[in-house]
């Protein structure tokens, strides 16, 4: 089965200009995304598979451990119910 990650219906990604950070907004909860986490989540549009997301980020951030970290990060968001 192919997974095309996308934010859950009750989750919104927003950028907080005051703090210059990305946030996941949910009913009665806010999650502050650190580093480039927002860049990863922004690519989860329901049209890209995880390997495609990894490839895009690897091109954008050469030398970063994208292939080692991004799949686990996306799985953690899925486990939290923030991605479907």
N, C-alpha and C. Protein backbone atom coordinates (compact mmCIF):
# COMPACT_ATOMS: atom_id res chain seq x y z
N UNK A 1 0.83 -1.19 0.00
CA UNK A 1 0.00 0.00 0.00
C UNK A 1 0.88 1.25 0.00
N UNK A 2 0.55 2.20 -0.83
CA UNK A 2 1.30 3.44 -0.93
C UNK A 2 0.71 4.47 0.02
N UNK A 3 1.58 5.11 0.77
CA UNK A 3 1.12 6.15 1.68
C UNK A 3 1.40 7.52 1.07
N UNK A 4 0.38 8.32 0.94
CA UNK A 4 0.48 9.70 0.46
C UNK A 4 0.11 10.59 1.64
N UNK A 5 1.09 10.93 2.48
CA UNK A 5 0.76 11.65 3.72
C UNK A 5 0.10 13.01 3.47
N UNK A 6 -0.88 13.28 4.30
CA UNK A 6 -1.58 14.56 4.26
C UNK A 6 -2.03 14.87 5.69
N UNK A 7 -2.13 16.14 6.01
CA UNK A 7 -2.57 16.52 7.36
C UNK A 7 -3.98 15.99 7.61
N UNK A 8 -4.22 15.58 8.85
CA UNK A 8 -5.56 15.17 9.25
C UNK A 8 -6.50 16.37 9.11
N UNK A 9 -7.75 16.09 8.95
CA UNK A 9 -8.72 17.18 8.70
C UNK A 9 -8.76 18.22 9.81
N UNK A 10 -8.48 17.79 11.03
CA UNK A 10 -8.57 18.72 12.16
C UNK A 10 -7.25 19.44 12.44
N UNK A 11 -6.25 19.26 11.57
CA UNK A 11 -4.92 19.84 11.80
C UNK A 11 -4.62 20.86 10.69
N UNK A 12 -4.10 22.02 11.10
CA UNK A 12 -3.71 23.05 10.14
C UNK A 12 -2.26 23.43 10.40
N UNK A 13 -1.52 23.66 9.34
CA UNK A 13 -0.15 24.15 9.43
C UNK A 13 -0.16 25.65 9.23
N UNK A 14 0.42 26.37 10.16
CA UNK A 14 0.48 27.84 10.07
C UNK A 14 1.88 28.29 10.44
N UNK A 15 2.28 29.43 9.89
CA UNK A 15 3.56 30.02 10.26
C UNK A 15 3.30 31.20 11.20
N UNK A 16 3.95 31.18 12.35
CA UNK A 16 3.84 32.27 13.32
C UNK A 16 4.96 33.27 13.02
N UNK A 17 4.58 34.39 12.44
CA UNK A 17 5.58 35.39 12.06
C UNK A 17 6.27 36.01 13.26
N UNK A 18 5.56 36.13 14.37
CA UNK A 18 6.16 36.74 15.56
C UNK A 18 7.31 35.87 16.08
N UNK A 19 7.08 34.57 16.16
CA UNK A 19 8.11 33.65 16.66
C UNK A 19 8.96 33.07 15.53
N UNK A 20 8.58 33.36 14.29
CA UNK A 20 9.26 32.83 13.10
C UNK A 20 9.40 31.31 13.18
N UNK A 21 8.28 30.68 13.44
CA UNK A 21 8.27 29.21 13.51
C UNK A 21 6.94 28.68 12.96
N UNK A 22 6.96 27.42 12.55
CA UNK A 22 5.74 26.79 12.05
C UNK A 22 5.02 26.10 13.19
N UNK A 23 3.70 26.07 13.09
CA UNK A 23 2.85 25.49 14.13
C UNK A 23 1.87 24.52 13.50
N UNK A 24 1.55 23.48 14.25
CA UNK A 24 0.41 22.64 13.91
C UNK A 24 -0.71 23.03 14.85
N UNK A 25 -1.80 23.50 14.27
CA UNK A 25 -2.95 23.93 15.06
C UNK A 25 -4.01 22.86 15.02
N UNK A 26 -4.46 22.48 16.23
CA UNK A 26 -5.52 21.48 16.37
C UNK A 26 -6.52 22.00 17.37
N UNK A 27 -7.69 21.43 17.40
CA UNK A 27 -8.64 21.87 18.42
C UNK A 27 -8.02 21.69 19.82
N UNK A 28 -7.92 22.77 20.54
CA UNK A 28 -7.42 22.79 21.92
C UNK A 28 -5.97 22.37 22.06
N UNK A 29 -5.17 22.47 20.98
CA UNK A 29 -3.76 22.11 21.08
C UNK A 29 -2.96 22.81 19.98
N UNK A 30 -1.75 23.23 20.33
CA UNK A 30 -0.81 23.80 19.37
C UNK A 30 0.51 23.08 19.54
N UNK A 31 1.11 22.66 18.42
CA UNK A 31 2.42 22.01 18.44
C UNK A 31 3.39 22.93 17.71
N UNK A 32 4.47 23.29 18.38
CA UNK A 32 5.51 24.12 17.77
C UNK A 32 6.48 23.21 17.04
N UNK A 33 6.66 23.46 15.75
CA UNK A 33 7.57 22.66 14.94
C UNK A 33 8.94 23.32 14.94
N UNK A 34 9.95 22.57 15.24
CA UNK A 34 11.32 23.08 15.32
C UNK A 34 12.07 22.82 14.02
N UNK A 35 13.11 23.61 13.81
CA UNK A 35 13.99 23.41 12.66
C UNK A 35 13.22 23.44 11.35
N UNK A 36 13.47 22.44 10.53
CA UNK A 36 12.84 22.37 9.21
C UNK A 36 11.60 21.47 9.19
N UNK A 37 11.06 21.16 10.35
CA UNK A 37 9.90 20.28 10.42
C UNK A 37 8.73 20.83 9.60
N UNK A 38 8.55 22.12 9.62
CA UNK A 38 7.48 22.72 8.83
C UNK A 38 7.68 22.50 7.34
N UNK A 39 8.93 22.52 6.89
CA UNK A 39 9.23 22.25 5.47
C UNK A 39 8.82 20.84 5.10
N UNK A 40 9.02 19.91 6.02
CA UNK A 40 8.65 18.52 5.78
C UNK A 40 7.12 18.40 5.72
N UNK A 41 6.46 18.96 6.70
CA UNK A 41 4.99 18.85 6.78
C UNK A 41 4.34 19.54 5.58
N UNK A 42 4.94 20.64 5.15
CA UNK A 42 4.38 21.39 4.02
C UNK A 42 4.32 20.54 2.75
N UNK A 43 5.21 19.56 2.64
CA UNK A 43 5.22 18.69 1.45
C UNK A 43 4.20 17.56 1.54
N UNK A 44 3.57 17.42 2.67
CA UNK A 44 2.57 16.36 2.88
C UNK A 44 1.21 16.85 2.39
N UNK A 45 1.02 16.77 1.08
CA UNK A 45 -0.19 17.31 0.47
C UNK A 45 -1.14 16.24 -0.05
N UNK A 46 -0.82 14.97 0.25
CA UNK A 46 -1.68 13.88 -0.22
C UNK A 46 -1.43 13.48 -1.65
N UNK A 47 -0.43 14.08 -2.29
CA UNK A 47 -0.10 13.74 -3.68
C UNK A 47 1.29 13.14 -3.82
N UNK A 48 2.10 13.27 -2.77
CA UNK A 48 3.49 12.78 -2.83
C UNK A 48 3.66 11.60 -1.89
N UNK A 49 4.39 10.58 -2.37
CA UNK A 49 4.77 9.46 -1.52
C UNK A 49 5.97 9.88 -0.67
N UNK A 50 6.21 9.14 0.40
CA UNK A 50 7.31 9.46 1.30
C UNK A 50 8.66 9.50 0.57
N UNK A 51 8.98 8.52 -0.30
CA UNK A 51 10.27 8.61 -1.00
C UNK A 51 10.40 9.89 -1.85
N UNK A 52 9.31 10.34 -2.41
CA UNK A 52 9.35 11.57 -3.20
C UNK A 52 9.62 12.78 -2.28
N UNK A 53 9.00 12.79 -1.12
CA UNK A 53 9.23 13.86 -0.14
C UNK A 53 10.70 13.86 0.30
N UNK A 54 11.21 12.66 0.57
CA UNK A 54 12.62 12.53 0.99
C UNK A 54 13.54 13.05 -0.12
N UNK A 55 13.27 12.69 -1.36
CA UNK A 55 14.12 13.13 -2.48
C UNK A 55 14.09 14.65 -2.63
N UNK A 56 12.92 15.24 -2.50
CA UNK A 56 12.81 16.69 -2.62
C UNK A 56 13.59 17.40 -1.52
N UNK A 57 13.49 16.89 -0.29
CA UNK A 57 14.20 17.50 0.82
C UNK A 57 15.70 17.28 0.72
N UNK A 58 16.11 16.11 0.24
CA UNK A 58 17.54 15.82 0.07
C UNK A 58 18.16 16.78 -0.94
N UNK A 59 17.39 17.12 -1.95
CA UNK A 59 17.87 18.07 -2.95
C UNK A 59 17.97 19.47 -2.34
N UNK A 60 17.02 19.81 -1.49
CA UNK A 60 16.97 21.13 -0.87
C UNK A 60 18.02 21.29 0.23
N UNK A 61 18.29 20.20 0.96
CA UNK A 61 19.23 20.24 2.09
C UNK A 61 20.32 19.19 1.89
N UNK A 62 21.24 19.41 0.94
CA UNK A 62 22.27 18.40 0.68
C UNK A 62 23.13 18.14 1.92
N UNK A 63 23.44 16.88 2.15
CA UNK A 63 24.29 16.51 3.28
C UNK A 63 23.54 16.26 4.56
N UNK A 64 22.28 16.66 4.63
CA UNK A 64 21.48 16.43 5.84
C UNK A 64 21.00 14.98 5.85
N UNK A 65 20.81 14.39 7.02
CA UNK A 65 20.39 12.98 7.10
C UNK A 65 18.90 12.79 6.83
N UNK A 66 18.45 13.28 5.70
CA UNK A 66 17.02 13.27 5.35
C UNK A 66 16.46 11.85 5.31
N UNK A 67 17.13 10.95 4.59
CA UNK A 67 16.61 9.59 4.42
C UNK A 67 16.54 8.84 5.75
N UNK A 68 17.38 9.22 6.70
CA UNK A 68 17.37 8.56 8.01
C UNK A 68 16.30 9.12 8.93
N UNK A 69 16.00 10.39 8.81
CA UNK A 69 15.14 11.04 9.81
C UNK A 69 13.70 11.31 9.35
N UNK A 70 13.50 11.67 8.09
CA UNK A 70 12.16 12.10 7.64
C UNK A 70 11.12 10.97 7.72
N UNK A 71 11.41 9.74 7.24
CA UNK A 71 10.37 8.70 7.36
C UNK A 71 9.93 8.47 8.80
N UNK A 72 10.88 8.47 9.73
CA UNK A 72 10.53 8.29 11.14
C UNK A 72 9.71 9.46 11.68
N UNK A 73 10.08 10.67 11.26
CA UNK A 73 9.32 11.85 11.67
C UNK A 73 7.89 11.78 11.17
N UNK A 74 7.71 11.40 9.91
CA UNK A 74 6.36 11.30 9.35
C UNK A 74 5.56 10.19 10.04
N UNK A 75 6.23 9.10 10.35
CA UNK A 75 5.55 8.01 11.07
C UNK A 75 5.10 8.47 12.45
N UNK A 76 5.94 9.26 13.13
CA UNK A 76 5.57 9.77 14.45
C UNK A 76 4.35 10.68 14.35
N UNK A 77 4.30 11.52 13.31
CA UNK A 77 3.12 12.39 13.12
C UNK A 77 1.88 11.56 12.84
N UNK A 78 2.06 10.48 12.09
CA UNK A 78 0.94 9.58 11.81
C UNK A 78 0.44 8.93 13.10
N UNK A 79 1.37 8.46 13.92
CA UNK A 79 1.00 7.82 15.18
C UNK A 79 0.24 8.78 16.09
N UNK A 80 0.60 10.06 16.04
CA UNK A 80 -0.10 11.08 16.83
C UNK A 80 -1.49 11.39 16.27
N UNK A 81 -1.72 10.97 15.02
CA UNK A 81 -3.01 11.26 14.38
C UNK A 81 -3.03 12.59 13.66
N UNK A 82 -1.84 13.17 13.47
CA UNK A 82 -1.76 14.48 12.82
C UNK A 82 -1.63 14.36 11.31
N UNK A 83 -1.19 13.20 10.85
CA UNK A 83 -1.16 12.89 9.41
C UNK A 83 -2.06 11.70 9.18
N UNK A 84 -2.60 11.62 8.01
CA UNK A 84 -3.35 10.42 7.62
C UNK A 84 -2.85 9.95 6.29
